[in-house]
Amino acid sequence: MSNLLSMKRKKILILTTSFLLALVGLRFLWANLYYDTNLPQAEGGVLDLRGVDFADDSIQLVGEWMFYPWSLENKEQPDNMPVYITVPGKWQESLTDPPTGEDRSFLYGTYRLRIVVDKVRTNEPYTLYIKDIRSASTVFINGEKVMEQGKVATNERDYIQQVRPFKVTFDSEVDVIDLSIQVADNGPSTRSGMQIPIQFGYASAVEKSHTVALMSQILSVSILLLHFVFAIIIYIGFSRRSELLYLAIVFGSAAMSILMDDDRILLYLFPSIHPFWWMKLVYFFYATSILFLVLFFKKLLEDELKATSLLSRLYRLLIFLYSSFVFVLLLDIKPVSEKLFILFYFVGPILIPISLLKIVSKGTSGSIYLLFATISIAVNVVCAYFNTIGLVVLPYYPFNMIIAVICFAVFWFKQFFQTAEESKALAARLLRVNQKKDEFLANTSHELRNPLHGIINISQTIYETESEHLSDESKRNMETLISVSKRMSYILNDLFDIQQLKEGDIQLTVTDVDLSSVVASVVDMMRLMTEGKDISFNIHINDDFPYVKADENRLFQIVFNLIHNAVKYSECGEITISAEMEGEMARVSVKDTGIGIDKETLKSIFLPYEQADSSMTAMGGGIGLGLSICEQLVRLHGGKLDVQSTVAEGSTFSFVIPLGDERKGLIPKLPGLYQVPAKSLELTTGLQMEGLPRILVVDDDPLNLTIVQRILMASQFEVSTCTSGMAALNLLSKGKWDLVLTDVMMPKMSGYELTEKIRERYSMAELPIMMLTARSQLEDIQTGFYYGANDYIIKPVDKVELVVRVRALTDLGKSMSDRVMMEAAWLQAQIQPHFLYNTLNTIAALSEEDPEKMVKLINEFGNYLNASFTTRNLKKLVPLKNELDLVRSYVFIEEERFGDRLEVEWQVAVDTNVLVPPFAIQTLVENAVNHGVLRLPDGGAVKISVNEKDGSVEVSIADDGVGMEQEKVRELLEKTERRSKGIGLLNTDKRLQQLFGKGLTITSEPGVGTTVSFTVPV
């Protein structure tokens, strides 16, 4: 293995070296065509071209120019002494000492060069091609101004920036050319001054060189834009792979960079672009092309890249630098933007080879082409840098960029063909797997058919022959067993039929069939399946409707599947089966008022194993074969199955089938109306026996409800059932429950949502919840626990497991309920010693002052003690009268103790003997007295109101005492670990919630008072 890797590395090294040498060789050939090292250069501000033949080639005006810093004079004998400066080159060194009062940040000066040529008589003029002078310039030839770009000035106020290539043409009948160029720039840019040499020569030679450069750039841009458009089309229309989008952005940005740099072709098309924005766009497109090239490589390494690796951090650093650079660029902070750009250009080129090496070492298919593309770009960048600094100035060289684009394209073609081959192999494998799956399903259905039929037959025999000896409960269990077995038989039949249809083994026995009798038989069978749903069947088929030519069993199967499908996806409403003649055919329609089908699902509804979205699947179940079998069976009969549907309104499935020979010519009468009312599943309640745990079972499948209900009732549980989450929430408000057993996938409100709503009212200990689910994946179980479930059990339900788990949860709930009731009894038993002591002192004081009142107080005190310690208080509910008697005794005692400081007003208007939790009212009154009015020096009043309205009794205790802040009100009903006192209100609230689904309502305002109320159903 190591030898193979070593050989692979050697091969890559050899190919890379050869490719690099080829690129460099091509570049040298291009340089030899356009660059002559023997051409003279300027010395001492003079360029002597006498005796030099430049008729066919242009000459670069390079070498030593005269330069007049801080001067814009254009005299034959300037006042200032010149300095000599190399062109191309930087001029900052010559502009270090500005005149007094001048702005150091604004630069200006004059370049000057004398060109000595042979005086040749020719009609062709000379041309100067000035490609790049930053940022404003004025050209003088022999003292005459011939061109001005922007406006050169000695201060920034009068200066106007303009940067674009331009040509200057003048008469060639001279032997000395005095060239002066005034230049101004408003900042110490690294590219200010004359960084690119001027091309000089006859007009035809300069034009030829310029044309070659333009055509080369246009060629590169055309290829880049073509690949950009191609990549965008593939990304949008075929493959949403982000690396393809990144590469498209690289192509587009590179094309824009070429258009805006070098000969700046874009300025010919849009001359109004301001230099300020032009420079920003140049930098932006350069940076964007590098960033997205790095992101392209990053995407290719996505599977192996770790978030904490150094490479990932460098990627994030590059993105941060890019974002910061763009932000600073827009704000025009030049020193910062230039430094960020340099840093960005340092990090980017480092990341590209590192990423590329990882891609190559990873063995990515076609990665060698990425390596070649990167090398081409790197060589192009290096040569462009040499061209920018004026080391070697040549016409634009397009081939490196073209080679890079071709390499990227070859890489993608390689990826495409590899993906195509893999897809082809995968398709062949899937065909084999699909065939094996069909064989497995066929064998499974065949192997299960016989034992299942045996179960059905034996169960049916026992039910019919032993019915006299079976109890009613056993009969219902046998009926459920037979129904479940038949449902399994239908599924096995579907599996067997779909395999036969694929193999073409189904043979139809076509006869004249009475359509109305077939439909009536199917509807009779379907009545059981509508149990729990408010659905009625309407049959609009006359008894004398013509026969149809069909296989009776298969026609029954078609109608059965269509009606069964309608029942599955309808909770209420009507299912209408109708028939009409269309020439030689009969059209049979099944219309429902169910949930309907969206347009996307309609496209694949007749494909095998296809089902709708999760909400529809939750309502219907199944394995998605029924409609596919129907469609194929209808086609075998020479007909066609269609569907029309509107979401939330219903669906209509219709098929056409040939009319039979008999009664074929009869004209049907107006369709009759045959109504078959469906059975509806009422909210069922099990044995109403005192002391049995109460369980609420929620499931939208009536059959599942029946099975679970019978299992639990047989194990001594009181069971109530309902078919929706809303019904379950309504039932929870009507009494005390020990457990909720809910299905997960239900229409309208899932088991998760139901659990969440229950947890808003009850804690996990107060009301346990068990979820019944057909899915056992870890994420499903975690989601159930997240929403507050205590336990889960997987369908199909095992009797022993279900009973054991239910028993464990109900015991937990019962323990919690007993704890709450014992807590309430314990609270009342803890009569505070100072209350007894003060009451006895009051009795003693009255013995001397008012013996008659003393006797009455003793009687009320005895009533209070008797009512407090009676065993009746251990029950969950006591009569309202008993509770009010206890409160009256307590109030009498407190009024005697505190006299004028306590005033109690009674307003009781209840005729019904309603039941309330023991000590519920007494606790609230005691709280109002001790913590409300008696906290005030002068005391206050307490109003006790008990009124009946809207089918319930409202109890309200109001005081005008000290009152509370809202934060304090919230804390009263919040249980905390550190809370050791003051839990009377908390306990009362908890008991009310468990019994009636709603606890205390408290309103209070500091200095105004407090009102505590609750309601109990009549």
Foldseek 3Di string as FASTA:
>chain_A
DVVVVVVVVVVLVVVLVVLLVVLVVVVVVQLVVAPDPPQDEDDPQEHECEPPDCAQAWDFHWDKWWKFWLDDDDDPDDPDHTDIDTPPDDCLVVLPDHPPPADSFKTKIKTKHKYFYDQDDDPFWKKKKQAWAPWWKWKDKPRHTFDTAFDDDRHPVRGGTGIAIDMGTDHRRDRMIIIMMIAIHRGPDPQHGRQATMIMDTPVNVVVQVVVLVVLLVVLLVLLQVLLVVLVCCCVPPNVDVLSVLSSLLSVLVSVLSCLDDNNVVCVVVVPDGPLVSVLSNLLSVLSNLLSLLVSLCSLCVVPDDCPDPLNVLNVVLVVLSVVLNVCSVVVPPVVNVVSSVVSVVSSVVSQVVSLVVSVSVVPPLSSLVVSLVSLVVVLVVVVVCCRNHVRPGRDDNPSSVSSSVSVVVSVVRVVVVVVVVVVVVVVVVVVVVVVVLVVLQVVLVVVQVVLVVQLVVLVCCLVPVVVVDDPLVNVVSVLSNVVSVVVNVQSVLSNLVSCLVVVNDDWDWDFAQPVVLLVVLVVVCLVQLAAAAEKEKEFEDSLDFTFTGRSVVSSLLSNLVVLLQSLFARHDYWYWYWDDDVQKIKIKIKHFGQWDDPVCQVCLLPAQDDGDLLSCLSHPDRRRSNVSSQSRLVVQVKGWDKDIDGNGIIMIMMMHGTHDPSSPPDDDGTDIDMDGHHHHDFDKADPDPPAAEEEEEAQRVSLVSVVVSLVVVVRHIYTYHHDLVVVVVVQLAFFHLEYEYEARHHPAGPLNSLLVVCVQDACQQYAYEYEYQDDDPVVVVSSVVSHHPYYDHPPDDSVVVNVVVVVSSVSNVVVVLVLLVVLLVVLVPDDPVLVVLLVVLLVVCVPVPVVVSVVLVVLVVLLVCLSPDPVLSDQKDWPVSQVSNQVSVLSSVCSRPPQQEAEAEAEDDDDRDIARHCLVVLVQVCCQPVFQVVDPSGWYWYWHWDDDDQKIKTKIKIQGQWDDPVVVVVLQDDDPPDDDNCNQNSQQSSCCSTRVGGWDKDTDGNGIIMIMDMDGD
